[in-house]
Amino acid sequence: GSNIYYAEFVKGRFTISRDNAKMTVYLQMSRLIPEDTAVYLCNADP
């Protein structure tokens, strides 16, 4: 969790976090706009 990347188009609006104990990653999305409409997919990149 020490390094985080955001695409420019979500900076300041979205927050990614993870809870390794709960085996879960989150994406908090705020100030949503119609252009955010999409299928959101999770990727575990080794």
All heavy atoms as atom14 arrays in JSON, in Angstrom:
{
  "sequence": "GSNIYYAEFVKGRFTISRDNAKMTVYLQMSRLIPEDTAVYLCNADP",
  "atom14_mask": [
    [1, 1, 1, 1, 0, 0, 0, 0, 0, 0, 0, 0, 0, 0],
    [1, 1, 1, 1, 1, 1, 0, 0, 0, 0, 0, 0, 0, 0],
    [1, 1, 1, 1, 1, 1, 1, 1, 0, 0, 0, 0, 0, 0],
    [1, 1, 1, 1, 1, 1, 1, 1, 0, 0, 0, 0, 0, 0],
    [1, 1, 1, 1, 1, 1, 1, 1, 1, 1, 1, 1, 0, 0],
    [1, 1, 1, 1, 1, 1, 1, 1, 1, 1, 1, 1, 0, 0],
    [1, 1, 1, 1, 1, 0, 0, 0, 0, 0, 0, 0, 0, 0],
    [1, 1, 1, 1, 1, 1, 1, 1, 1, 0, 0, 0, 0, 0],
    [1, 1, 1, 1, 1, 1, 1, 1, 1, 1, 1, 0, 0, 0],
    [1, 1, 1, 1, 1, 1, 1, 0, 0, 0, 0, 0, 0, 0],
    [1, 1, 1, 1, 1, 1, 1, 1, 1, 0, 0, 0, 0, 0],
    [1, 1, 1, 1, 0, 0, 0, 0, 0, 0, 0, 0, 0, 0],
    [1, 1, 1, 1, 1, 1, 1, 1, 1, 1, 1, 0, 0, 0],
    [1, 1, 1, 1, 1, 1, 1, 1, 1, 1, 1, 0, 0, 0],
    [1, 1, 1, 1, 1, 1, 1, 0, 0, 0, 0, 0, 0, 0],
    [1, 1, 1, 1, 1, 1, 1, 1, 0, 0, 0, 0, 0, 0],
    [1, 1, 1, 1, 1, 1, 0, 0, 0, 0, 0, 0, 0, 0],
    [1, 1, 1, 1, 1, 1, 1, 1, 1, 1, 1, 0, 0, 0],
    [1, 1, 1, 1, 1, 1, 1, 1, 0, 0, 0, 0, 0, 0],
    [1, 1, 1, 1, 1, 1, 1, 1, 0, 0, 0, 0, 0, 0],
    [1, 1, 1, 1, 1, 0, 0, 0, 0, 0, 0, 0, 0, 0],
    [1, 1, 1, 1, 1, 1, 1, 1, 1, 0, 0, 0, 0, 0],
    [1, 1, 1, 1, 1, 1, 1, 1, 0, 0, 0, 0, 0, 0],
    [1, 1, 1, 1, 1, 1, 1, 0, 0, 0, 0, 0, 0, 0],
    [1, 1, 1, 1, 1, 1, 1, 0, 0, 0, 0, 0, 0, 0],
    [1, 1, 1, 1, 1, 1, 1, 1, 1, 1, 1, 1, 0, 0],
    [1, 1, 1, 1, 1, 1, 1, 1, 0, 0, 0, 0, 0, 0],
    [1, 1, 1, 1, 1, 1, 1, 1, 1, 0, 0, 0, 0, 0],
    [1, 1, 1, 1, 1, 1, 1, 1, 0, 0, 0, 0, 0, 0],
    [1, 1, 1, 1, 1, 1, 0, 0, 0, 0, 0, 0, 0, 0],
    [1, 1, 1, 1, 1, 1, 1, 1, 1, 1, 1, 0, 0, 0],
    [1, 1, 1, 1, 1, 1, 1, 1, 0, 0, 0, 0, 0, 0],
    [1, 1, 1, 1, 1, 1, 1, 1, 0, 0, 0, 0, 0, 0],
    [1, 1, 1, 1, 1, 1, 1, 0, 0, 0, 0, 0, 0, 0],
    [1, 1, 1, 1, 1, 1, 1, 1, 1, 0, 0, 0, 0, 0],
    [1, 1, 1, 1, 1, 1, 1, 1, 0, 0, 0, 0, 0, 0],
    [1, 1, 1, 1, 1, 1, 1, 0, 0, 0, 0, 0, 0, 0],
    [1, 1, 1, 1, 1, 0, 0, 0, 0, 0, 0, 0, 0, 0],
    [1, 1, 1, 1, 1, 1, 1, 0, 0, 0, 0, 0, 0, 0],
    [1, 1, 1, 1, 1, 1, 1, 1, 1, 1, 1, 1, 0, 0],
    [1, 1, 1, 1, 1, 1, 1, 1, 0, 0, 0, 0, 0, 0],
    [1, 1, 1, 1, 1, 1, 0, 0, 0, 0, 0, 0, 0, 0],
    [1, 1, 1, 1, 1, 1, 1, 1, 0, 0, 0, 0, 0, 0],
    [1, 1, 1, 1, 1, 0, 0, 0, 0, 0, 0, 0, 0, 0],
    [1, 1, 1, 1, 1, 1, 1, 1, 0, 0, 0, 0, 0, 0],
    [1, 1, 1, 1, 1, 1, 1, 0, 0, 0, 0, 0, 0, 0]
  ],
  "atom14_positions": [
    [[0.8, -1.22, 0.0], [0.0, 0.0, 0.0], [0.83, 1.26, 0.0], [0.28, 2.37, 0.03], [0.0, 0.0, 0.0], [0.0, 0.0, 0.0], [0.0, 0.0, 0.0], [0.0, 0.0, 0.0], [0.0, 0.0, 0.0], [0.0, 0.0, 0.0], [0.0, 0.0, 0.0], [0.0, 0.0, 0.0], [0.0, 0.0, 0.0], [0.0, 0.0, 0.0]],
    [[2.15, 1.13, -0.08], [3.01, 2.31, 0.01], [3.11, 3.07, -1.31], [3.51, 4.23, -1.33], [4.41, 1.9, 0.48], [4.96, 0.96, -0.42], [0.0, 0.0, 0.0], [0.0, 0.0, 0.0], [0.0, 0.0, 0.0], [0.0, 0.0, 0.0], [0.0, 0.0, 0.0], [0.0, 0.0, 0.0], [0.0, 0.0, 0.0], [0.0, 0.0, 0.0]],
    [[2.77, 2.43, -2.4], [2.77, 3.09, -3.72], [1.37, 3.03, -4.3], [0.73, 1.98, -4.31], [3.75, 2.42, -4.69], [5.18, 2.62, -4.29], [5.71, 1.86, -3.49], [5.82, 3.64, -4.82], [0.0, 0.0, 0.0], [0.0, 0.0, 0.0], [0.0, 0.0, 0.0], [0.0, 0.0, 0.0], [0.0, 0.0, 0.0], [0.0, 0.0, 0.0]],
    [[0.93, 4.17, -4.81], [-0.4, 4.26, -5.39], [-0.31, 5.05, -6.7], [0.4, 6.06, -6.78], [-1.39, 4.93, -4.42], [-1.69, 3.99, -3.25], [-2.69, 5.32, -5.13], [-2.6, 4.56, -2.2], [0.0, 0.0, 0.0], [0.0, 0.0, 0.0], [0.0, 0.0, 0.0], [0.0, 0.0, 0.0], [0.0, 0.0, 0.0], [0.0, 0.0, 0.0]],
    [[-1.04, 4.57, -7.67], [-1.14, 5.24, -8.97], [-2.6, 5.6, -9.22], [-3.51, 4.81, -8.92], [-0.67, 4.31, -10.09], [-1.2, 4.69, -11.46], [-0.6, 5.69, -12.22], [-2.33, 4.05, -11.98], [-1.11, 6.04, -13.46], [-2.84, 4.4, -13.22], [-2.23, 5.4, -13.95], [-2.73, 5.75, -15.17], [0.0, 0.0, 0.0], [0.0, 0.0, 0.0]],
    [[-2.83, 6.78, -9.77], [-4.15, 7.18, -10.24], [-4.04, 7.71, -11.67], [-3.12, 8.48, -11.98], [-4.76, 8.29, -9.38], [-5.12, 7.85, -7.98], [-4.36, 8.26, -6.89], [-6.23, 7.05, -7.75], [-4.69, 7.87, -5.61], [-6.56, 6.66, -6.46], [-5.78, 7.07, -5.4], [-6.12, 6.68, -4.13], [0.0, 0.0, 0.0], [0.0, 0.0, 0.0]],
    [[-4.99, 7.33, -12.5], [-5.09, 7.96, -13.8], [-5.48, 9.42, -13.6], [-6.19, 9.77, -12.64], [-6.15, 7.25, -14.64], [0.0, 0.0, 0.0], [0.0, 0.0, 0.0], [0.0, 0.0, 0.0], [0.0, 0.0, 0.0], [0.0, 0.0, 0.0], [0.0, 0.0, 0.0], [0.0, 0.0, 0.0], [0.0, 0.0, 0.0], [0.0, 0.0, 0.0]],
    [[-5.03, 10.26, -14.52], [-5.29, 11.7, -14.38], [-6.78, 12.0, -14.27], [-7.18, 12.9, -13.53], [-4.7, 12.45, -15.57], [-3.19, 12.66, -15.53], [-2.77, 13.55, -14.38], [-3.52, 14.5, -14.03], [-1.69, 13.3, -13.81], [0.0, 0.0, 0.0], [0.0, 0.0, 0.0], [0.0, 0.0, 0.0], [0.0, 0.0, 0.0], [0.0, 0.0, 0.0]],
    [[-7.58, 11.24, -14.98], [-9.0, 11.56, -15.06], [-9.77, 11.2, -13.77], [-10.96, 11.51, -13.66], [-9.66, 10.89, -16.28], [-9.4, 9.42, -16.41], [-10.12, 8.5, -15.67], [-8.42, 8.96, -17.27], [-9.89, 7.15, -15.8], [-8.18, 7.6, -17.42], [-8.91, 6.69, -16.68], [0.0, 0.0, 0.0], [0.0, 0.0, 0.0], [0.0, 0.0, 0.0]],
    [[-9.09, 10.57, -12.79], [-9.78, 10.27, -11.53], [-9.09, 10.9, -10.32], [-9.6, 10.8, -9.2], [-9.93, 8.75, -11.29], [-10.7, 8.11, -12.44], [-8.59, 8.08, -11.06], [0.0, 0.0, 0.0], [0.0, 0.0, 0.0], [0.0, 0.0, 0.0], [0.0, 0.0, 0.0], [0.0, 0.0, 0.0], [0.0, 0.0, 0.0], [0.0, 0.0, 0.0]],
    [[-7.96, 11.54, -10.55], [-7.23, 12.14, -9.42], [-8.11, 13.14, -8.68], [-8.78, 13.97, -9.28], [-5.95, 12.83, -9.93], [-4.81, 11.88, -10.17], [-3.54, 12.64, -10.56], [-2.39, 11.68, -10.79], [-1.16, 12.38, -11.22], [0.0, 0.0, 0.0], [0.0, 0.0, 0.0], [0.0, 0.0, 0.0], [0.0, 0.0, 0.0], [0.0, 0.0, 0.0]],
    [[-8.1, 13.02, -7.37], [-8.89, 13.91, -6.54], [-10.34, 13.47, -6.36], [-11.07, 14.05, -5.56], [0.0, 0.0, 0.0], [0.0, 0.0, 0.0], [0.0, 0.0, 0.0], [0.0, 0.0, 0.0], [0.0, 0.0, 0.0], [0.0, 0.0, 0.0], [0.0, 0.0, 0.0], [0.0, 0.0, 0.0], [0.0, 0.0, 0.0], [0.0, 0.0, 0.0]],
    [[-10.74, 12.44, -7.11], [-12.13, 11.96, -7.01], [-12.21, 10.52, -6.52], [-13.16, 10.16, -5.81], [-12.83, 12.06, -8.38], [-12.89, 13.47, -8.95], [-13.79, 13.52, -10.18], [-13.32, 12.67, -11.26], [-14.04, 11.69, -11.82], [-15.27, 11.43, -11.38], [-13.54, 10.97, -12.82], [0.0, 0.0, 0.0], [0.0, 0.0, 0.0], [0.0, 0.0, 0.0]],
    [[-11.24, 9.7, -6.9], [-11.25, 8.29, -6.53], [-10.12, 8.0, -5.54], [-9.06, 8.63, -5.59], [-11.04, 7.41, -7.76], [-12.18, 7.39, -8.75], [-13.24, 8.27, -8.67], [-12.17, 6.47, -9.79], [-14.27, 8.24, -9.59], [-13.19, 6.43, -10.72], [-14.25, 7.32, -10.62], [0.0, 0.0, 0.0], [0.0, 0.0, 0.0], [0.0, 0.0, 0.0]],
    [[-10.36, 7.01, -4.67], [-9.34, 6.58, -3.72], [-9.28, 5.06, -3.71], [-10.3, 4.4, -3.51], [-9.65, 7.09, -2.31], [-9.74, 8.52, -2.32], [-8.55, 6.66, -1.34], [0.0, 0.0, 0.0], [0.0, 0.0, 0.0], [0.0, 0.0, 0.0], [0.0, 0.0, 0.0], [0.0, 0.0, 0.0], [0.0, 0.0, 0.0], [0.0, 0.0, 0.0]],
    [[-8.08, 4.53, -3.93], [-7.88, 3.08, -3.86], [-7.27, 2.74, -2.51], [-6.45, 3.49, -1.97], [-6.99, 2.57, -5.02], [-6.98, 1.05, -5.08], [-5.58, 3.14, -4.93], [-6.3, 0.49, -6.33], [0.0, 0.0, 0.0], [0.0, 0.0, 0.0], [0.0, 0.0, 0.0], [0.0, 0.0, 0.0], [0.0, 0.0, 0.0], [0.0, 0.0, 0.0]],
    [[-7.7, 1.61, -1.95], [-7.14, 1.15, -0.69], [-7.23, -0.37, -0.67], [-7.92, -0.98, -1.49], [-7.89, 1.76, 0.5], [-9.25, 1.37, 0.5], [0.0, 0.0, 0.0], [0.0, 0.0, 0.0], [0.0, 0.0, 0.0], [0.0, 0.0, 0.0], [0.0, 0.0, 0.0], [0.0, 0.0, 0.0], [0.0, 0.0, 0.0], [0.0, 0.0, 0.0]],
    [[-6.51, -0.95, 0.27], [-6.54, -2.41, 0.38], [-6.48, -2.8, 1.83], [-5.9, -2.11, 2.66], [-5.4, -3.05, -0.41], [-4.0, -2.74, 0.09], [-2.94, -3.2, -0.92], [-2.9, -4.65, -1.02], [-2.39, -5.29, -2.07], [-1.9, -4.62, -3.1], [-2.35, -6.62, -2.09], [0.0, 0.0, 0.0], [0.0, 0.0, 0.0], [0.0, 0.0, 0.0]],
    [[-7.08, -3.95, 2.11], [-7.03, -4.55, 3.43], [-6.56, -5.98, 3.22], [-7.36, -6.86, 2.86], [-8.4, -4.49, 4.1], [-8.37, -4.96, 5.54], [-7.5, -5.79, 5.88], [-9.23, -4.53, 6.32], [0.0, 0.0, 0.0], [0.0, 0.0, 0.0], [0.0, 0.0, 0.0], [0.0, 0.0, 0.0], [0.0, 0.0, 0.0], [0.0, 0.0, 0.0]],
    [[-5.28, -6.21, 3.41], [-4.72, -7.54, 3.13], [-5.31, -8.6, 4.07], [-5.46, -9.76, 3.68], [-3.2, -7.5, 3.21], [-2.58, -6.78, 2.02], [-3.24, -6.47, 1.03], [-1.29, -6.48, 2.13], [0.0, 0.0, 0.0], [0.0, 0.0, 0.0], [0.0, 0.0, 0.0], [0.0, 0.0, 0.0], [0.0, 0.0, 0.0], [0.0, 0.0, 0.0]],
    [[-5.63, -8.21, 5.27], [-6.22, -9.17, 6.21], [-7.59, -9.63, 5.74], [-7.98, -10.79, 5.95], [-6.32, -8.56, 7.6], [0.0, 0.0, 0.0], [0.0, 0.0, 0.0], [0.0, 0.0, 0.0], [0.0, 0.0, 0.0], [0.0, 0.0, 0.0], [0.0, 0.0, 0.0], [0.0, 0.0, 0.0], [0.0, 0.0, 0.0], [0.0, 0.0, 0.0]],
    [[-8.31, -8.74, 5.08], [-9.64, -9.08, 4.56], [-9.58, -9.54, 3.11], [-10.62, -9.81, 2.5], [-10.58, -7.88, 4.68], [-10.9, -7.5, 6.12], [-11.91, -6.37, 6.18], [-12.26, -6.05, 7.63], [-13.23, -4.93, 7.73], [0.0, 0.0, 0.0], [0.0, 0.0, 0.0], [0.0, 0.0, 0.0], [0.0, 0.0, 0.0], [0.0, 0.0, 0.0]],
    [[-8.36, -9.59, 2.54], [-8.19, -10.06, 1.18], [-9.04, -9.24, 0.19], [-9.61, -9.79, -0.76], [-8.57, -11.55, 1.08], [-7.81, -12.43, 2.04], [-6.16, -12.82, 1.42], [-6.58, -14.21, 0.39], [0.0, 0.0, 0.0], [0.0, 0.0, 0.0], [0.0, 0.0, 0.0], [0.0, 0.0, 0.0], [0.0, 0.0, 0.0], [0.0, 0.0, 0.0]],
    [[-9.06, -7.95, 0.4], [-9.96, -7.1, -0.38], [-9.28, -5.79, -0.75], [-8.51, -5.23, 0.04], [-11.25, -6.81, 0.42], [-11.87, -8.05, 0.76], [-12.23, -5.98, -0.39], [0.0, 0.0, 0.0], [0.0, 0.0, 0.0], [0.0, 0.0, 0.0], [0.0, 0.0, 0.0], [0.0, 0.0, 0.0], [0.0, 0.0, 0.0], [0.0, 0.0, 0.0]],
    [[-9.58, -5.34, -1.95], [-9.16, -4.01, -2.39], [-10.42, -3.2, -2.69], [-11.44, -3.76, -3.12], [-8.24, -4.09, -3.63], [-8.94, -4.7, -4.83], [-7.65, -2.73, -3.96], [0.0, 0.0, 0.0], [0.0, 0.0, 0.0], [0.0, 0.0, 0.0], [0.0, 0.0, 0.0], [0.0, 0.0, 0.0], [0.0, 0.0, 0.0], [0.0, 0.0, 0.0]],
    [[-10.34, -1.9, -2.44], [-11.5, -1.03, -2.59], [-11.2, 0.1, -3.57], [-10.06, 0.49, -3.76], [-11.87, -0.42, -1.23], [-12.1, -1.43, -0.14], [-11.08, -1.75, 0.74], [-13.33, -2.06, 0.0], [-11.27, -2.68, 1.75], [-13.53, -2.99, 1.01], [-12.5, -3.3, 1.87], [-12.71, -4.22, 2.86], [0.0, 0.0, 0.0], [0.0, 0.0, 0.0]],
    [[-12.28, 0.61, -4.15], [-12.17, 1.83, -4.93], [-13.33, 2.73, -4.51], [-14.49, 2.45, -4.83], [-12.24, 1.55, -6.43], [-12.0, 2.77, -7.32], [-10.54, 3.24, -7.2], [-12.33, 2.47, -8.78], [0.0, 0.0, 0.0], [0.0, 0.0, 0.0], [0.0, 0.0, 0.0], [0.0, 0.0, 0.0], [0.0, 0.0, 0.0], [0.0, 0.0, 0.0]],
    [[-13.0, 3.77, -3.76], [-13.99, 4.76, -3.37], [-14.07, 5.8, -4.46], [-13.08, 6.45, -4.79], [-13.6, 5.42, -2.05], [-14.55, 6.51, -1.6], [-15.92, 5.97, -1.22], [-16.02, 5.0, -0.47], [-16.98, 6.61, -1.73], [0.0, 0.0, 0.0], [0.0, 0.0, 0.0], [0.0, 0.0, 0.0], [0.0, 0.0, 0.0], [0.0, 0.0, 0.0]],
    [[-15.25, 5.94, -5.05], [-15.45, 6.85, -6.17], [-16.4, 7.96, -5.74], [-17.52, 7.69, -5.29], [-16.03, 6.1, -7.37], [-15.2, 4.9, -7.79], [-15.79, 4.15, -9.32], [-17.38, 3.55, -8.78], [0.0, 0.0, 0.0], [0.0, 0.0, 0.0], [0.0, 0.0, 0.0], [0.0, 0.0, 0.0], [0.0, 0.0, 0.0], [0.0, 0.0, 0.0]],
    [[-15.94, 9.18, -5.88], [-16.75, 10.34, -5.49], [-16.84, 11.3, -6.67], [-16.05, 11.22, -7.61], [-16.11, 11.04, -4.29], [-15.96, 10.16, -3.21], [0.0, 0.0, 0.0], [0.0, 0.0, 0.0], [0.0, 0.0, 0.0], [0.0, 0.0, 0.0], [0.0, 0.0, 0.0], [0.0, 0.0, 0.0], [0.0, 0.0, 0.0], [0.0, 0.0, 0.0]],
    [[-17.8, 12.22, -6.58], [-18.0, 13.23, -7.64], [-18.03, 12.57, -9.01], [-17.35, 12.99, -9.94], [-16.92, 14.31, -7.54], [-17.03, 15.17, -6.31], [-16.09, 16.33, -6.36], [-14.73, 15.93, -6.01], [-13.64, 16.47, -6.52], [-13.71, 17.42, -7.42], [-12.46, 16.06, -6.14], [0.0, 0.0, 0.0], [0.0, 0.0, 0.0], [0.0, 0.0, 0.0]],
    [[-18.83, 11.53, -9.09], [-18.91, 10.77, -10.33], [-19.53, 11.62, -11.45], [-20.41, 12.45, -11.21], [-19.72, 9.51, -10.11], [-18.98, 8.41, -9.34], [-19.95, 7.42, -8.73], [-18.0, 7.7, -10.27], [0.0, 0.0, 0.0], [0.0, 0.0, 0.0], [0.0, 0.0, 0.0], [0.0, 0.0, 0.0], [0.0, 0.0, 0.0], [0.0, 0.0, 0.0]],
    [[-19.05, 11.38, -12.64], [-19.53, 12.05, -13.84], [-19.98, 10.99, -14.85], [-19.55, 9.83, -14.76], [-18.45, 12.97, -14.44], [-17.2, 12.16, -14.81], [-18.12, 14.09, -13.47], [-16.1, 12.98, -15.47], [0.0, 0.0, 0.0], [0.0, 0.0, 0.0], [0.0, 0.0, 0.0], [0.0, 0.0, 0.0], [0.0, 0.0, 0.0], [0.0, 0.0, 0.0]],
    [[-20.83, 11.35, -15.8], [-21.31, 10.36, -16.77], [-20.17, 9.64, -17.51], [-20.32, 8.46, -17.87], [-22.17, 11.19, -17.72], [-22.7, 12.28, -16.85], [-21.56, 12.62, -15.92], [0.0, 0.0, 0.0], [0.0, 0.0, 0.0], [0.0, 0.0, 0.0], [0.0, 0.0, 0.0], [0.0, 0.0, 0.0], [0.0, 0.0, 0.0], [0.0, 0.0, 0.0]],
    [[-19.07, 10.34, -17.7], [-17.93, 9.72, -18.39], [-17.29, 8.59, -17.59], [-16.46, 7.84, -18.12], [-16.88, 10.78, -18.72], [-17.29, 11.77, -19.8], [-18.27, 12.84, -19.31], [-18.47, 12.97, -18.08], [-18.85, 13.54, -20.16], [0.0, 0.0, 0.0], [0.0, 0.0, 0.0], [0.0, 0.0, 0.0], [0.0, 0.0, 0.0], [0.0, 0.0, 0.0]],
    [[-17.65, 8.45, -16.33], [-17.15, 7.34, -15.52], [-17.93, 6.05, -15.76], [-17.57, 5.01, -15.23], [-17.21, 7.69, -14.03], [-16.27, 8.81, -13.65], [-15.14, 8.86, -14.16], [-16.67, 9.66, -12.8], [0.0, 0.0, 0.0], [0.0, 0.0, 0.0], [0.0, 0.0, 0.0], [0.0, 0.0, 0.0], [0.0, 0.0, 0.0], [0.0, 0.0, 0.0]],
    [[-18.99, 6.13, -16.53], [-19.79, 4.95, -16.83], [-18.96, 3.91, -17.56], [-18.36, 4.19, -18.6], [-21.01, 5.33, -17.68], [-21.87, 6.18, -16.91], [-21.79, 4.1, -18.11], [0.0, 0.0, 0.0], [0.0, 0.0, 0.0], [0.0, 0.0, 0.0], [0.0, 0.0, 0.0], [0.0, 0.0, 0.0], [0.0, 0.0, 0.0], [0.0, 0.0, 0.0]],
    [[-18.89, 2.71, -16.99], [-18.06, 1.64, -17.56], [-18.24, 0.39, -16.72], [-18.83, 0.43, -15.63], [-16.59, 2.05, -17.56], [0.0, 0.0, 0.0], [0.0, 0.0, 0.0], [0.0, 0.0, 0.0], [0.0, 0.0, 0.0], [0.0, 0.0, 0.0], [0.0, 0.0, 0.0], [0.0, 0.0, 0.0], [0.0, 0.0, 0.0], [0.0, 0.0, 0.0]],
    [[-17.72, -0.7, -17.23], [-17.52, -1.9, -16.41], [-16.17, -1.75, -15.73], [-15.16, -1.49, -16.39], [-17.56, -3.18, -17.26], [-17.23, -4.39, -16.4], [-18.93, -3.35, -17.92], [0.0, 0.0, 0.0], [0.0, 0.0, 0.0], [0.0, 0.0, 0.0], [0.0, 0.0, 0.0], [0.0, 0.0, 0.0], [0.0, 0.0, 0.0], [0.0, 0.0, 0.0]],
    [[-16.18, -1.88, -14.43], [-14.96, -1.77, -13.64], [-14.46, -3.17, -13.29], [-15.22, -3.99, -12.75], [-15.19, -0.93, -12.39], [-15.28, 0.54, -12.7], [-16.38, 1.07, -13.38], [-14.24, 1.41, -12.36], [-16.44, 2.42, -13.69], [-14.3, 2.76, -12.67], [-15.4, 3.25, -13.35], [-15.46, 4.6, -13.66], [0.0, 0.0, 0.0], [0.0, 0.0, 0.0]],
    [[-13.21, -3.41, -13.62], [-12.62, -4.74, -13.44], [-11.44, -4.67, -12.48], [-10.64, -3.72, -12.52], [-12.15, -5.3, -14.77], [-13.22, -5.4, -15.86], [-12.94, -4.39, -16.95], [-13.27, -6.79, -16.43], [0.0, 0.0, 0.0], [0.0, 0.0, 0.0], [0.0, 0.0, 0.0], [0.0, 0.0, 0.0], [0.0, 0.0, 0.0], [0.0, 0.0, 0.0]],
    [[-11.31, -5.72, -11.7], [-10.22, -5.84, -10.74], [-9.17, -6.78, -11.33], [-9.5, -7.81, -11.92], [-10.8, -6.41, -9.45], [-9.63, -6.61, -8.11], [0.0, 0.0, 0.0], [0.0, 0.0, 0.0], [0.0, 0.0, 0.0], [0.0, 0.0, 0.0], [0.0, 0.0, 0.0], [0.0, 0.0, 0.0], [0.0, 0.0, 0.0], [0.0, 0.0, 0.0]],
    [[-7.92, -6.4, -11.16], [-6.8, -7.19, -11.65], [-5.8, -7.41, -10.53], [-5.42, -6.45, -9.85], [-6.15, -6.45, -12.83], [-4.85, -7.08, -13.3], [-3.82, -6.41, -13.33], [-4.88, -8.34, -13.69], [0.0, 0.0, 0.0], [0.0, 0.0, 0.0], [0.0, 0.0, 0.0], [0.0, 0.0, 0.0], [0.0, 0.0, 0.0], [0.0, 0.0, 0.0]],
    [[-5.37, -8.65, -10.35], [-4.3, -8.99, -9.41], [-3.05, -9.23, -10.24], [-2.96, -10.21, -10.97], [-4.68, -10.22, -8.6], [0.0, 0.0, 0.0], [0.0, 0.0, 0.0], [0.0, 0.0, 0.0], [0.0, 0.0, 0.0], [0.0, 0.0, 0.0], [0.0, 0.0, 0.0], [0.0, 0.0, 0.0], [0.0, 0.0, 0.0], [0.0, 0.0, 0.0]],
    [[-2.12, -8.31, -10.17], [-0.94, -8.3, -11.02], [0.27, -8.78, -10.23], [0.76, -8.07, -9.36], [-0.72, -6.88, -11.55], [0.41, -6.78, -12.55], [1.13, -7.78, -12.73], [0.57, -5.7, -13.13], [0.0, 0.0, 0.0], [0.0, 0.0, 0.0], [0.0, 0.0, 0.0], [0.0, 0.0, 0.0], [0.0, 0.0, 0.0], [0.0, 0.0, 0.0]],
    [[0.8, -9.97, -10.55], [1.9, -10.51, -9.74], [3.25, -9.89, -10.05], [4.17, -9.99, -9.23], [1.89, -12.0, -10.11], [1.37, -12.01, -11.51], [0.36, -10.89, -11.59], [0.0, 0.0, 0.0], [0.0, 0.0, 0.0], [0.0, 0.0, 0.0], [0.0, 0.0, 0.0], [0.0, 0.0, 0.0], [0.0, 0.0, 0.0], [0.0, 0.0, 0.0]]
  ]
}
